């Protein structure tokens, strides 16, 4: 699966990231 979440500063405000992958 994926390594991380990127560009989380632009994340949709209706979606909450549910996992513990690294975030940038």
PDBML (XML) file of the C-alpha atoms, coordinates in Angstrom:
<?xml version="1.0" encoding="UTF-8" ?>
<PDBx:datablock datablockName="MODEL"
   xmlns:PDBx="http://pdbml.pdb.org/schema/pdbx-v50.xsd"
   xmlns:xsi="http://www.w3.org/2001/XMLSchema-instance"
   xsi:schemaLocation="http://pdbml.pdb.org/schema/pdbx-v50.xsd pdbx-v50.xsd">
   <PDBx:atom_siteCategory>
      <PDBx:atom_site id="1">
         <PDBx:B_iso_or_equiv>0.00</PDBx:B_iso_or_equiv>
         <PDBx:Cartn_x>0.000</PDBx:Cartn_x>
         <PDBx:Cartn_y>0.000</PDBx:Cartn_y>
         <PDBx:Cartn_z>0.000</PDBx:Cartn_z>
         <PDBx:auth_asym_id>A</PDBx:auth_asym_id>
         <PDBx:auth_atom_id>CA</PDBx:auth_atom_id>
         <PDBx:auth_comp_id>UNK</PDBx:auth_comp_id>
         <PDBx:auth_seq_id>1</PDBx:auth_seq_id>
         <PDBx:group_PDB>ATOM</PDBx:group_PDB>
         <PDBx:label_alt_id xsi:nil="true" />
         <PDBx:label_asym_id>A</PDBx:label_asym_id>
         <PDBx:label_atom_id>CA</PDBx:label_atom_id>
         <PDBx:label_comp_id>UNK</PDBx:label_comp_id>
         <PDBx:label_entity_id>1</PDBx:label_entity_id>
         <PDBx:label_seq_id>1</PDBx:label_seq_id>
         <PDBx:occupancy>1.00</PDBx:occupancy>
         <PDBx:pdbx_PDB_model_num>1</PDBx:pdbx_PDB_model_num>
         <PDBx:type_symbol>C</PDBx:type_symbol>
      </PDBx:atom_site>
      <PDBx:atom_site id="2">
         <PDBx:B_iso_or_equiv>0.00</PDBx:B_iso_or_equiv>
         <PDBx:Cartn_x>0.934</PDBx:Cartn_x>
         <PDBx:Cartn_y>3.687</PDBx:Cartn_y>
         <PDBx:Cartn_z>0.212</PDBx:Cartn_z>
         <PDBx:auth_asym_id>A</PDBx:auth_asym_id>
         <PDBx:auth_atom_id>CA</PDBx:auth_atom_id>
         <PDBx:auth_comp_id>UNK</PDBx:auth_comp_id>
         <PDBx:auth_seq_id>2</PDBx:auth_seq_id>
         <PDBx:group_PDB>ATOM</PDBx:group_PDB>
         <PDBx:label_alt_id xsi:nil="true" />
         <PDBx:label_asym_id>A</PDBx:label_asym_id>
         <PDBx:label_atom_id>CA</PDBx:label_atom_id>
         <PDBx:label_comp_id>UNK</PDBx:label_comp_id>
         <PDBx:label_entity_id>1</PDBx:label_entity_id>
         <PDBx:label_seq_id>2</PDBx:label_seq_id>
         <PDBx:occupancy>1.00</PDBx:occupancy>
         <PDBx:pdbx_PDB_model_num>1</PDBx:pdbx_PDB_model_num>
         <PDBx:type_symbol>C</PDBx:type_symbol>
      </PDBx:atom_site>
      <PDBx:atom_site id="3">
         <PDBx:B_iso_or_equiv>0.00</PDBx:B_iso_or_equiv>
         <PDBx:Cartn_x>3.971</PDBx:Cartn_x>
         <PDBx:Cartn_y>5.022</PDBx:Cartn_y>
         <PDBx:Cartn_z>2.067</PDBx:Cartn_z>
         <PDBx:auth_asym_id>A</PDBx:auth_asym_id>
         <PDBx:auth_atom_id>CA</PDBx:auth_atom_id>
         <PDBx:auth_comp_id>UNK</PDBx:auth_comp_id>
         <PDBx:auth_seq_id>3</PDBx:auth_seq_id>
         <PDBx:group_PDB>ATOM</PDBx:group_PDB>
         <PDBx:label_alt_id xsi:nil="true" />
         <PDBx:label_asym_id>A</PDBx:label_asym_id>
         <PDBx:label_atom_id>CA</PDBx:label_atom_id>
         <PDBx:label_comp_id>UNK</PDBx:label_comp_id>
         <PDBx:label_entity_id>1</PDBx:label_entity_id>
         <PDBx:label_seq_id>3</PDBx:label_seq_id>
         <PDBx:occupancy>1.00</PDBx:occupancy>
         <PDBx:pdbx_PDB_model_num>1</PDBx:pdbx_PDB_model_num>
         <PDBx:type_symbol>C</PDBx:type_symbol>
      </PDBx:atom_site>
      <PDBx:atom_site id="4">
         <PDBx:B_iso_or_equiv>0.00</PDBx:B_iso_or_equiv>
         <PDBx:Cartn_x>2.496</PDBx:Cartn_x>
         <PDBx:Cartn_y>8.304</PDBx:Cartn_y>
         <PDBx:Cartn_z>3.280</PDBx:Cartn_z>
         <PDBx:auth_asym_id>A</PDBx:auth_asym_id>
         <PDBx:auth_atom_id>CA</PDBx:auth_atom_id>
         <PDBx:auth_comp_id>UNK</PDBx:auth_comp_id>
         <PDBx:auth_seq_id>4</PDBx:auth_seq_id>
         <PDBx:group_PDB>ATOM</PDBx:group_PDB>
         <PDBx:label_alt_id xsi:nil="true" />
         <PDBx:label_asym_id>A</PDBx:label_asym_id>
         <PDBx:label_atom_id>CA</PDBx:label_atom_id>
         <PDBx:label_comp_id>UNK</PDBx:label_comp_id>
         <PDBx:label_entity_id>1</PDBx:label_entity_id>
         <PDBx:label_seq_id>4</PDBx:label_seq_id>
         <PDBx:occupancy>1.00</PDBx:occupancy>
         <PDBx:pdbx_PDB_model_num>1</PDBx:pdbx_PDB_model_num>
         <PDBx:type_symbol>C</PDBx:type_symbol>
      </PDBx:atom_site>
      <PDBx:atom_site id="5">
         <PDBx:B_iso_or_equiv>0.00</PDBx:B_iso_or_equiv>
         <PDBx:Cartn_x>0.064</PDBx:Cartn_x>
         <PDBx:Cartn_y>11.176</PDBx:Cartn_y>
         <PDBx:Cartn_z>2.811</PDBx:Cartn_z>
         <PDBx:auth_asym_id>A</PDBx:auth_asym_id>
         <PDBx:auth_atom_id>CA</PDBx:auth_atom_id>
         <PDBx:auth_comp_id>UNK</PDBx:auth_comp_id>
         <PDBx:auth_seq_id>5</PDBx:auth_seq_id>
         <PDBx:group_PDB>ATOM</PDBx:group_PDB>
         <PDBx:label_alt_id xsi:nil="true" />
         <PDBx:label_asym_id>A</PDBx:label_asym_id>
         <PDBx:label_atom_id>CA</PDBx:label_atom_id>
         <PDBx:label_comp_id>UNK</PDBx:label_comp_id>
         <PDBx:label_entity_id>1</PDBx:label_entity_id>
         <PDBx:label_seq_id>5</PDBx:label_seq_id>
         <PDBx:occupancy>1.00</PDBx:occupancy>
         <PDBx:pdbx_PDB_model_num>1</PDBx:pdbx_PDB_model_num>
         <PDBx:type_symbol>C</PDBx:type_symbol>
      </PDBx:atom_site>
      <PDBx:atom_site id="6">
         <PDBx:B_iso_or_equiv>0.00</PDBx:B_iso_or_equiv>
         <PDBx:Cartn_x>1.329</PDBx:Cartn_x>
         <PDBx:Cartn_y>14.231</PDBx:Cartn_y>
         <PDBx:Cartn_z>0.945</PDBx:Cartn_z>
         <PDBx:auth_asym_id>A</PDBx:auth_asym_id>
         <PDBx:auth_atom_id>CA</PDBx:auth_atom_id>
         <PDBx:auth_comp_id>UNK</PDBx:auth_comp_id>
         <PDBx:auth_seq_id>6</PDBx:auth_seq_id>
         <PDBx:group_PDB>ATOM</PDBx:group_PDB>
         <PDBx:label_alt_id xsi:nil="true" />
         <PDBx:label_asym_id>A</PDBx:label_asym_id>
         <PDBx:label_atom_id>CA</PDBx:label_atom_id>
         <PDBx:label_comp_id>UNK</PDBx:label_comp_id>
         <PDBx:label_entity_id>1</PDBx:label_entity_id>
         <PDBx:label_seq_id>6</PDBx:label_seq_id>
         <PDBx:occupancy>1.00</PDBx:occupancy>
         <PDBx:pdbx_PDB_model_num>1</PDBx:pdbx_PDB_model_num>
         <PDBx:type_symbol>C</PDBx:type_symbol>
      </PDBx:atom_site>
      <PDBx:atom_site id="7">
         <PDBx:B_iso_or_equiv>0.00</PDBx:B_iso_or_equiv>
         <PDBx:Cartn_x>-0.031</PDBx:Cartn_x>
         <PDBx:Cartn_y>17.750</PDBx:Cartn_y>
         <PDBx:Cartn_z>0.488</PDBx:Cartn_z>
         <PDBx:auth_asym_id>A</PDBx:auth_asym_id>
         <PDBx:auth_atom_id>CA</PDBx:auth_atom_id>
         <PDBx:auth_comp_id>UNK</PDBx:auth_comp_id>
         <PDBx:auth_seq_id>7</PDBx:auth_seq_id>
         <PDBx:group_PDB>ATOM</PDBx:group_PDB>
         <PDBx:label_alt_id xsi:nil="true" />
         <PDBx:label_asym_id>A</PDBx:label_asym_id>
         <PDBx:label_atom_id>CA</PDBx:label_atom_id>
         <PDBx:label_comp_id>UNK</PDBx:label_comp_id>
         <PDBx:label_entity_id>1</PDBx:label_entity_id>
         <PDBx:label_seq_id>7</PDBx:label_seq_id>
         <PDBx:occupancy>1.00</PDBx:occupancy>
         <PDBx:pdbx_PDB_model_num>1</PDBx:pdbx_PDB_model_num>
         <PDBx:type_symbol>C</PDBx:type_symbol>
      </PDBx:atom_site>
      <PDBx:atom_site id="8">
         <PDBx:B_iso_or_equiv>0.00</PDBx:B_iso_or_equiv>
         <PDBx:Cartn_x>-2.211</PDBx:Cartn_x>
         <PDBx:Cartn_y>17.312</PDBx:Cartn_y>
         <PDBx:Cartn_z>3.551</PDBx:Cartn_z>
         <PDBx:auth_asym_id>A</PDBx:auth_asym_id>
         <PDBx:auth_atom_id>CA</PDBx:auth_atom_id>
         <PDBx:auth_comp_id>UNK</PDBx:auth_comp_id>
         <PDBx:auth_seq_id>8</PDBx:auth_seq_id>
         <PDBx:group_PDB>ATOM</PDBx:group_PDB>
         <PDBx:label_alt_id xsi:nil="true" />
         <PDBx:label_asym_id>A</PDBx:label_asym_id>
         <PDBx:label_atom_id>CA</PDBx:label_atom_id>
         <PDBx:label_comp_id>UNK</PDBx:label_comp_id>
         <PDBx:label_entity_id>1</PDBx:label_entity_id>
         <PDBx:label_seq_id>8</PDBx:label_seq_id>
         <PDBx:occupancy>1.00</PDBx:occupancy>
         <PDBx:pdbx_PDB_model_num>1</PDBx:pdbx_PDB_model_num>
         <PDBx:type_symbol>C</PDBx:type_symbol>
      </PDBx:atom_site>
      <PDBx:atom_site id="9">
         <PDBx:B_iso_or_equiv>0.00</PDBx:B_iso_or_equiv>
         <PDBx:Cartn_x>-2.267</PDBx:Cartn_x>
         <PDBx:Cartn_y>21.099</PDBx:Cartn_y>
         <PDBx:Cartn_z>3.845</PDBx:Cartn_z>
         <PDBx:auth_asym_id>A</PDBx:auth_asym_id>
         <PDBx:auth_atom_id>CA</PDBx:auth_atom_id>
         <PDBx:auth_comp_id>UNK</PDBx:auth_comp_id>
         <PDBx:auth_seq_id>9</PDBx:auth_seq_id>
         <PDBx:group_PDB>ATOM</PDBx:group_PDB>
         <PDBx:label_alt_id xsi:nil="true" />
         <PDBx:label_asym_id>A</PDBx:label_asym_id>
         <PDBx:label_atom_id>CA</PDBx:label_atom_id>
         <PDBx:label_comp_id>UNK</PDBx:label_comp_id>
         <PDBx:label_entity_id>1</PDBx:label_entity_id>
         <PDBx:label_seq_id>9</PDBx:label_seq_id>
         <PDBx:occupancy>1.00</PDBx:occupancy>
         <PDBx:pdbx_PDB_model_num>1</PDBx:pdbx_PDB_model_num>
         <PDBx:type_symbol>C</PDBx:type_symbol>
      </PDBx:atom_site>
      <PDBx:atom_site id="10">
         <PDBx:B_iso_or_equiv>0.00</PDBx:B_iso_or_equiv>
         <PDBx:Cartn_x>-4.772</PDBx:Cartn_x>
         <PDBx:Cartn_y>20.960</PDBx:Cartn_y>
         <PDBx:Cartn_z>0.971</PDBx:Cartn_z>
         <PDBx:auth_asym_id>A</PDBx:auth_asym_id>
         <PDBx:auth_atom_id>CA</PDBx:auth_atom_id>
         <PDBx:auth_comp_id>UNK</PDBx:auth_comp_id>
         <PDBx:auth_seq_id>10</PDBx:auth_seq_id>
         <PDBx:group_PDB>ATOM</PDBx:group_PDB>
         <PDBx:label_alt_id xsi:nil="true" />
         <PDBx:label_asym_id>A</PDBx:label_asym_id>
         <PDBx:label_atom_id>CA</PDBx:label_atom_id>
         <PDBx:label_comp_id>UNK</PDBx:label_comp_id>
         <PDBx:label_entity_id>1</PDBx:label_entity_id>
         <PDBx:label_seq_id>10</PDBx:label_seq_id>
         <PDBx:occupancy>1.00</PDBx:occupancy>
         <PDBx:pdbx_PDB_model_num>1</PDBx:pdbx_PDB_model_num>
         <PDBx:type_symbol>C</PDBx:type_symbol>
      </PDBx:atom_site>
      <PDBx:atom_site id="11">
         <PDBx:B_iso_or_equiv>0.00</PDBx:B_iso_or_equiv>
         <PDBx:Cartn_x>-6.821</PDBx:Cartn_x>
         <PDBx:Cartn_y>18.085</PDBx:Cartn_y>
         <PDBx:Cartn_z>2.418</PDBx:Cartn_z>
         <PDBx:auth_asym_id>A</PDBx:auth_asym_id>
         <PDBx:auth_atom_id>CA</PDBx:auth_atom_id>
         <PDBx:auth_comp_id>UNK</PDBx:auth_comp_id>
         <PDBx:auth_seq_id>11</PDBx:auth_seq_id>
         <PDBx:group_PDB>ATOM</PDBx:group_PDB>
         <PDBx:label_alt_id xsi:nil="true" />
         <PDBx:label_asym_id>A</PDBx:label_asym_id>
         <PDBx:label_atom_id>CA</PDBx:label_atom_id>
         <PDBx:label_comp_id>UNK</PDBx:label_comp_id>
         <PDBx:label_entity_id>1</PDBx:label_entity_id>
         <PDBx:label_seq_id>11</PDBx:label_seq_id>
         <PDBx:occupancy>1.00</PDBx:occupancy>
         <PDBx:pdbx_PDB_model_num>1</PDBx:pdbx_PDB_model_num>
         <PDBx:type_symbol>C</PDBx:type_symbol>
      </PDBx:atom_site>
      <PDBx:atom_site id="12">
         <PDBx:B_iso_or_equiv>0.00</PDBx:B_iso_or_equiv>
         <PDBx:Cartn_x>-10.588</PDBx:Cartn_x>
         <PDBx:Cartn_y>18.121</PDBx:Cartn_y>
         <PDBx:Cartn_z>1.904</PDBx:Cartn_z>
         <PDBx:auth_asym_id>A</PDBx:auth_asym_id>
         <PDBx:auth_atom_id>CA</PDBx:auth_atom_id>
         <PDBx:auth_comp_id>UNK</PDBx:auth_comp_id>
         <PDBx:auth_seq_id>12</PDBx:auth_seq_id>
         <PDBx:group_PDB>ATOM</PDBx:group_PDB>
         <PDBx:label_alt_id xsi:nil="true" />
         <PDBx:label_asym_id>A</PDBx:label_asym_id>
         <PDBx:label_atom_id>CA</PDBx:label_atom_id>
         <PDBx:label_comp_id>UNK</PDBx:label_comp_id>
         <PDBx:label_entity_id>1</PDBx:label_entity_id>
         <PDBx:label_seq_id>12</PDBx:label_seq_id>
         <PDBx:occupancy>1.00</PDBx:occupancy>
         <PDBx:pdbx_PDB_model_num>1</PDBx:pdbx_PDB_model_num>
         <PDBx:type_symbol>C</PDBx:type_symbol>
      </PDBx:atom_site>
      <PDBx:atom_site id="13">
         <PDBx:B_iso_or_equiv>0.00</PDBx:B_iso_or_equiv>
         <PDBx:Cartn_x>-12.211</PDBx:Cartn_x>
         <PDBx:Cartn_y>19.385</PDBx:Cartn_y>
         <PDBx:Cartn_z>5.081</PDBx:Cartn_z>
         <PDBx:auth_asym_id>A</PDBx:auth_asym_id>
         <PDBx:auth_atom_id>CA</PDBx:auth_atom_id>
         <PDBx:auth_comp_id>UNK</PDBx:auth_comp_id>
         <PDBx:auth_seq_id>13</PDBx:auth_seq_id>
         <PDBx:group_PDB>ATOM</PDBx:group_PDB>
         <PDBx:label_alt_id xsi:nil="true" />
         <PDBx:label_asym_id>A</PDBx:label_asym_id>
         <PDBx:label_atom_id>CA</PDBx:label_atom_id>
         <PDBx:label_comp_id>UNK</PDBx:label_comp_id>
         <PDBx:label_entity_id>1</PDBx:label_entity_id>
         <PDBx:label_seq_id>13</PDBx:label_seq_id>
         <PDBx:occupancy>1.00</PDBx:occupancy>
         <PDBx:pdbx_PDB_model_num>1</PDBx:pdbx_PDB_model_num>
         <PDBx:type_symbol>C</PDBx:type_symbol>
      </PDBx:atom_site>
      <PDBx:atom_site id="14">
         <PDBx:B_iso_or_equiv>0.00</PDBx:B_iso_or_equiv>
         <PDBx:Cartn_x>-14.894</PDBx:Cartn_x>
         <PDBx:Cartn_y>16.679</PDBx:Cartn_y>
         <PDBx:Cartn_z>4.940</PDBx:Cartn_z>
         <PDBx:auth_asym_id>A</PDBx:auth_asym_id>
         <PDBx:auth_atom_id>CA</PDBx:auth_atom_id>
         <PDBx:auth_comp_id>UNK</PDBx:auth_comp_id>
         <PDBx:auth_seq_id>14</PDBx:auth_seq_id>
         <PDBx:group_PDB>ATOM</PDBx:group_PDB>
         <PDBx:label_alt_id xsi:nil="true" />
         <PDBx:label_asym_id>A</PDBx:label_asym_id>
         <PDBx:label_atom_id>CA</PDBx:label_atom_id>
         <PDBx:label_comp_id>UNK</PDBx:label_comp_id>
         <PDBx:label_entity_id>1</PDBx:label_entity_id>
         <PDBx:label_seq_id>14</PDBx:label_seq_id>
         <PDBx:occupancy>1.00</PDBx:occupancy>
         <PDBx:pdbx_PDB_model_num>1</PDBx:pdbx_PDB_model_num>
         <PDBx:type_symbol>C</PDBx:type_symbol>
      </PDBx:atom_site>
      <PDBx:atom_site id="15">
         <PDBx:B_iso_or_equiv>0.00</PDBx:B_iso_or_equiv>
         <PDBx:Cartn_x>-12.353</PDBx:Cartn_x>
         <PDBx:Cartn_y>13.828</PDBx:Cartn_y>
         <PDBx:Cartn_z>5.056</PDBx:Cartn_z>
         <PDBx:auth_asym_id>A</PDBx:auth_asym_id>
         <PDBx:auth_atom_id>CA</PDBx:auth_atom_id>
         <PDBx:auth_comp_id>UNK</PDBx:auth_comp_id>
         <PDBx:auth_seq_id>15</PDBx:auth_seq_id>
         <PDBx:group_PDB>ATOM</PDBx:group_PDB>
         <PDBx:label_alt_id xsi:nil="true" />
         <PDBx:label_asym_id>A</PDBx:label_asym_id>
         <PDBx:label_atom_id>CA</PDBx:label_atom_id>
         <PDBx:label_comp_id>UNK</PDBx:label_comp_id>
         <PDBx:label_entity_id>1</PDBx:label_entity_id>
         <PDBx:label_seq_id>15</PDBx:label_seq_id>
         <PDBx:occupancy>1.00</PDBx:occupancy>
         <PDBx:pdbx_PDB_model_num>1</PDBx:pdbx_PDB_model_num>
         <PDBx:type_symbol>C</PDBx:type_symbol>
      </PDBx:atom_site>
      <PDBx:atom_site id="16">
         <PDBx:B_iso_or_equiv>0.00</PDBx:B_iso_or_equiv>
         <PDBx:Cartn_x>-10.381</PDBx:Cartn_x>
         <PDBx:Cartn_y>12.757</PDBx:Cartn_y>
         <PDBx:Cartn_z>8.119</PDBx:Cartn_z>
         <PDBx:auth_asym_id>A</PDBx:auth_asym_id>
         <PDBx:auth_atom_id>CA</PDBx:auth_atom_id>
         <PDBx:auth_comp_id>UNK</PDBx:auth_comp_id>
         <PDBx:auth_seq_id>16</PDBx:auth_seq_id>
         <PDBx:group_PDB>ATOM</PDBx:group_PDB>
         <PDBx:label_alt_id xsi:nil="true" />
         <PDBx:label_asym_id>A</PDBx:label_asym_id>
         <PDBx:label_atom_id>CA</PDBx:label_atom_id>
         <PDBx:label_comp_id>UNK</PDBx:label_comp_id>
         <PDBx:label_entity_id>1</PDBx:label_entity_id>
         <PDBx:label_seq_id>16</PDBx:label_seq_id>
         <PDBx:occupancy>1.00</PDBx:occupancy>
         <PDBx:pdbx_PDB_model_num>1</PDBx:pdbx_PDB_model_num>
         <PDBx:type_symbol>C</PDBx:type_symbol>
      </PDBx:atom_site>
      <PDBx:atom_site id="17">
         <PDBx:B_iso_or_equiv>0.00</PDBx:B_iso_or_equiv>
         <PDBx:Cartn_x>-7.249</PDBx:Cartn_x>
         <PDBx:Cartn_y>10.662</PDBx:Cartn_y>
         <PDBx:Cartn_z>7.568</PDBx:Cartn_z>
         <PDBx:auth_asym_id>A</PDBx:auth_asym_id>
         <PDBx:auth_atom_id>CA</PDBx:auth_atom_id>
         <PDBx:auth_comp_id>UNK</PDBx:auth_comp_id>
         <PDBx:auth_seq_id>17</PDBx:auth_seq_id>
         <PDBx:group_PDB>ATOM</PDBx:group_PDB>
         <PDBx:label_alt_id xsi:nil="true" />
         <PDBx:label_asym_id>A</PDBx:label_asym_id>
         <PDBx:label_atom_id>CA</PDBx:label_atom_id>
         <PDBx:label_comp_id>UNK</PDBx:label_comp_id>
         <PDBx:label_entity_id>1</PDBx:label_entity_id>
         <PDBx:label_seq_id>17</PDBx:label_seq_id>
         <PDBx:occupancy>1.00</PDBx:occupancy>
         <PDBx:pdbx_PDB_model_num>1</PDBx:pdbx_PDB_model_num>
         <PDBx:type_symbol>C</PDBx:type_symbol>
      </PDBx:atom_site>
      <PDBx:atom_site id="18">
         <PDBx:B_iso_or_equiv>0.00</PDBx:B_iso_or_equiv>
         <PDBx:Cartn_x>-7.873</PDBx:Cartn_x>
         <PDBx:Cartn_y>7.450</PDBx:Cartn_y>
         <PDBx:Cartn_z>9.536</PDBx:Cartn_z>
         <PDBx:auth_asym_id>A</PDBx:auth_asym_id>
         <PDBx:auth_atom_id>CA</PDBx:auth_atom_id>
         <PDBx:auth_comp_id>UNK</PDBx:auth_comp_id>
         <PDBx:auth_seq_id>18</PDBx:auth_seq_id>
         <PDBx:group_PDB>ATOM</PDBx:group_PDB>
         <PDBx:label_alt_id xsi:nil="true" />
         <PDBx:label_asym_id>A</PDBx:label_asym_id>
         <PDBx:label_atom_id>CA</PDBx:label_atom_id>
         <PDBx:label_comp_id>UNK</PDBx:label_comp_id>
         <PDBx:label_entity_id>1</PDBx:label_entity_id>
         <PDBx:label_seq_id>18</PDBx:label_seq_id>
         <PDBx:occupancy>1.00</PDBx:occupancy>
         <PDBx:pdbx_PDB_model_num>1</PDBx:pdbx_PDB_model_num>
         <PDBx:type_symbol>C</PDBx:type_symbol>
      </PDBx:atom_site>
      <PDBx:atom_site id="19">
         <PDBx:B_iso_or_equiv>0.00</PDBx:B_iso_or_equiv>
         <PDBx:Cartn_x>-4.399</PDBx:Cartn_x>
         <PDBx:Cartn_y>5.864</PDBx:Cartn_y>
         <PDBx:Cartn_z>9.588</PDBx:Cartn_z>
         <PDBx:auth_asym_id>A</PDBx:auth_asym_id>
         <PDBx:auth_atom_id>CA</PDBx:auth_atom_id>
         <PDBx:auth_comp_id>UNK</PDBx:auth_comp_id>
         <PDBx:auth_seq_id>19</PDBx:auth_seq_id>
         <PDBx:group_PDB>ATOM</PDBx:group_PDB>
         <PDBx:label_alt_id xsi:nil="true" />
         <PDBx:label_asym_id>A</PDBx:label_asym_id>
         <PDBx:label_atom_id>CA</PDBx:label_atom_id>
         <PDBx:label_comp_id>UNK</PDBx:label_comp_id>
         <PDBx:label_entity_id>1</PDBx:label_entity_id>
         <PDBx:label_seq_id>19</PDBx:label_seq_id>
         <PDBx:occupancy>1.00</PDBx:occupancy>
         <PDBx:pdbx_PDB_model_num>1</PDBx:pdbx_PDB_model_num>
         <PDBx:type_symbol>C</PDBx:type_symbol>
      </PDBx:atom_site>
      <PDBx:atom_site id="20">
         <PDBx:B_iso_or_equiv>0.00</PDBx:B_iso_or_equiv>
         <PDBx:Cartn_x>-0.984</PDBx:Cartn_x>
         <PDBx:Cartn_y>6.500</PDBx:Cartn_y>
         <PDBx:Cartn_z>11.110</PDBx:Cartn_z>
         <PDBx:auth_asym_id>A</PDBx:auth_asym_id>
         <PDBx:auth_atom_id>CA</PDBx:auth_atom_id>
         <PDBx:auth_comp_id>UNK</PDBx:auth_comp_id>
         <PDBx:auth_seq_id>20</PDBx:auth_seq_id>
         <PDBx:group_PDB>ATOM</PDBx:group_PDB>
         <PDBx:label_alt_id xsi:nil="true" />
         <PDBx:label_asym_id>A</PDBx:label_asym_id>
         <PDBx:label_atom_id>CA</PDBx:label_atom_id>
         <PDBx:label_comp_id>UNK</PDBx:label_comp_id>
         <PDBx:label_entity_id>1</PDBx:label_entity_id>
         <PDBx:label_seq_id>20</PDBx:label_seq_id>
         <PDBx:occupancy>1.00</PDBx:occupancy>
         <PDBx:pdbx_PDB_model_num>1</PDBx:pdbx_PDB_model_num>
         <PDBx:type_symbol>C</PDBx:type_symbol>
      </PDBx:atom_site>
      <PDBx:atom_site id="21">
         <PDBx:B_iso_or_equiv>0.00</PDBx:B_iso_or_equiv>
         <PDBx:Cartn_x>1.043</PDBx:Cartn_x>
         <PDBx:Cartn_y>6.819</PDBx:Cartn_y>
         <PDBx:Cartn_z>7.898</PDBx:Cartn_z>
         <PDBx:auth_asym_id>A</PDBx:auth_asym_id>
         <PDBx:auth_atom_id>CA</PDBx:auth_atom_id>
         <PDBx:auth_comp_id>UNK</PDBx:auth_comp_id>
         <PDBx:auth_seq_id>21</PDBx:auth_seq_id>
         <PDBx:group_PDB>ATOM</PDBx:group_PDB>
         <PDBx:label_alt_id xsi:nil="true" />
         <PDBx:label_asym_id>A</PDBx:label_asym_id>
         <PDBx:label_atom_id>CA</PDBx:label_atom_id>
         <PDBx:label_comp_id>UNK</PDBx:label_comp_id>
         <PDBx:label_entity_id>1</PDBx:label_entity_id>
         <PDBx:label_seq_id>21</PDBx:label_seq_id>
         <PDBx:occupancy>1.00</PDBx:occupancy>
         <PDBx:pdbx_PDB_model_num>1</PDBx:pdbx_PDB_model_num>
         <PDBx:type_symbol>C</PDBx:type_symbol>
      </PDBx:atom_site>
      <PDBx:atom_site id="22">
         <PDBx:B_iso_or_equiv>0.00</PDBx:B_iso_or_equiv>
         <PDBx:Cartn_x>3.532</PDBx:Cartn_x>
         <PDBx:Cartn_y>9.740</PDBx:Cartn_y>
         <PDBx:Cartn_z>7.813</PDBx:Cartn_z>
         <PDBx:auth_asym_id>A</PDBx:auth_asym_id>
         <PDBx:auth_atom_id>CA</PDBx:auth_atom_id>
         <PDBx:auth_comp_id>UNK</PDBx:auth_comp_id>
         <PDBx:auth_seq_id>22</PDBx:auth_seq_id>
         <PDBx:group_PDB>ATOM</PDBx:group_PDB>
         <PDBx:label_alt_id xsi:nil="true" />
         <PDBx:label_asym_id>A</PDBx:label_asym_id>
         <PDBx:label_atom_id>CA</PDBx:label_atom_id>
         <PDBx:label_comp_id>UNK</PDBx:label_comp_id>
         <PDBx:label_entity_id>1</PDBx:label_entity_id>
         <PDBx:label_seq_id>22</PDBx:label_seq_id>
         <PDBx:occupancy>1.00</PDBx:occupancy>
         <PDBx:pdbx_PDB_model_num>1</PDBx:pdbx_PDB_model_num>
         <PDBx:type_symbol>C</PDBx:type_symbol>
      </PDBx:atom_site>
      <PDBx:atom_site id="23">
         <PDBx:B_iso_or_equiv>0.00</PDBx:B_iso_or_equiv>
         <PDBx:Cartn_x>1.978</PDBx:Cartn_x>
         <PDBx:Cartn_y>13.025</PDBx:Cartn_y>
         <PDBx:Cartn_z>6.740</PDBx:Cartn_z>
         <PDBx:auth_asym_id>A</PDBx:auth_asym_id>
         <PDBx:auth_atom_id>CA</PDBx:auth_atom_id>
         <PDBx:auth_comp_id>UNK</PDBx:auth_comp_id>
         <PDBx:auth_seq_id>23</PDBx:auth_seq_id>
         <PDBx:group_PDB>ATOM</PDBx:group_PDB>
         <PDBx:label_alt_id xsi:nil="true" />
         <PDBx:label_asym_id>A</PDBx:label_asym_id>
         <PDBx:label_atom_id>CA</PDBx:label_atom_id>
         <PDBx:label_comp_id>UNK</PDBx:label_comp_id>
         <PDBx:label_entity_id>1</PDBx:label_entity_id>
         <PDBx:label_seq_id>23</PDBx:label_seq_id>
         <PDBx:occupancy>1.00</PDBx:occupancy>
         <PDBx:pdbx_PDB_model_num>1</PDBx:pdbx_PDB_model_num>
         <PDBx:type_symbol>C</PDBx:type_symbol>
      </PDBx:atom_site>
      <PDBx:atom_site id="24">
         <PDBx:B_iso_or_equiv>0.00</PDBx:B_iso_or_equiv>
         <PDBx:Cartn_x>3.524</PDBx:Cartn_x>
         <PDBx:Cartn_y>15.902</PDBx:Cartn_y>
         <PDBx:Cartn_z>4.845</PDBx:Cartn_z>
         <PDBx:auth_asym_id>A</PDBx:auth_asym_id>
         <PDBx:auth_atom_id>CA</PDBx:auth_atom_id>
         <PDBx:auth_comp_id>UNK</PDBx:auth_comp_id>
         <PDBx:auth_seq_id>24</PDBx:auth_seq_id>
         <PDBx:group_PDB>ATOM</PDBx:group_PDB>
         <PDBx:label_alt_id xsi:nil="true" />
         <PDBx:label_asym_id>A</PDBx:label_asym_id>
         <PDBx:label_atom_id>CA</PDBx:label_atom_id>
         <PDBx:label_comp_id>UNK</PDBx:label_comp_id>
         <PDBx:label_entity_id>1</PDBx:label_entity_id>
         <PDBx:label_seq_id>24</PDBx:label_seq_id>
         <PDBx:occupancy>1.00</PDBx:occupancy>
         <PDBx:pdbx_PDB_model_num>1</PDBx:pdbx_PDB_model_num>
         <PDBx:type_symbol>C</PDBx:type_symbol>
      </PDBx:atom_site>
   </PDBx:atom_siteCategory>
</PDBx:datablock>
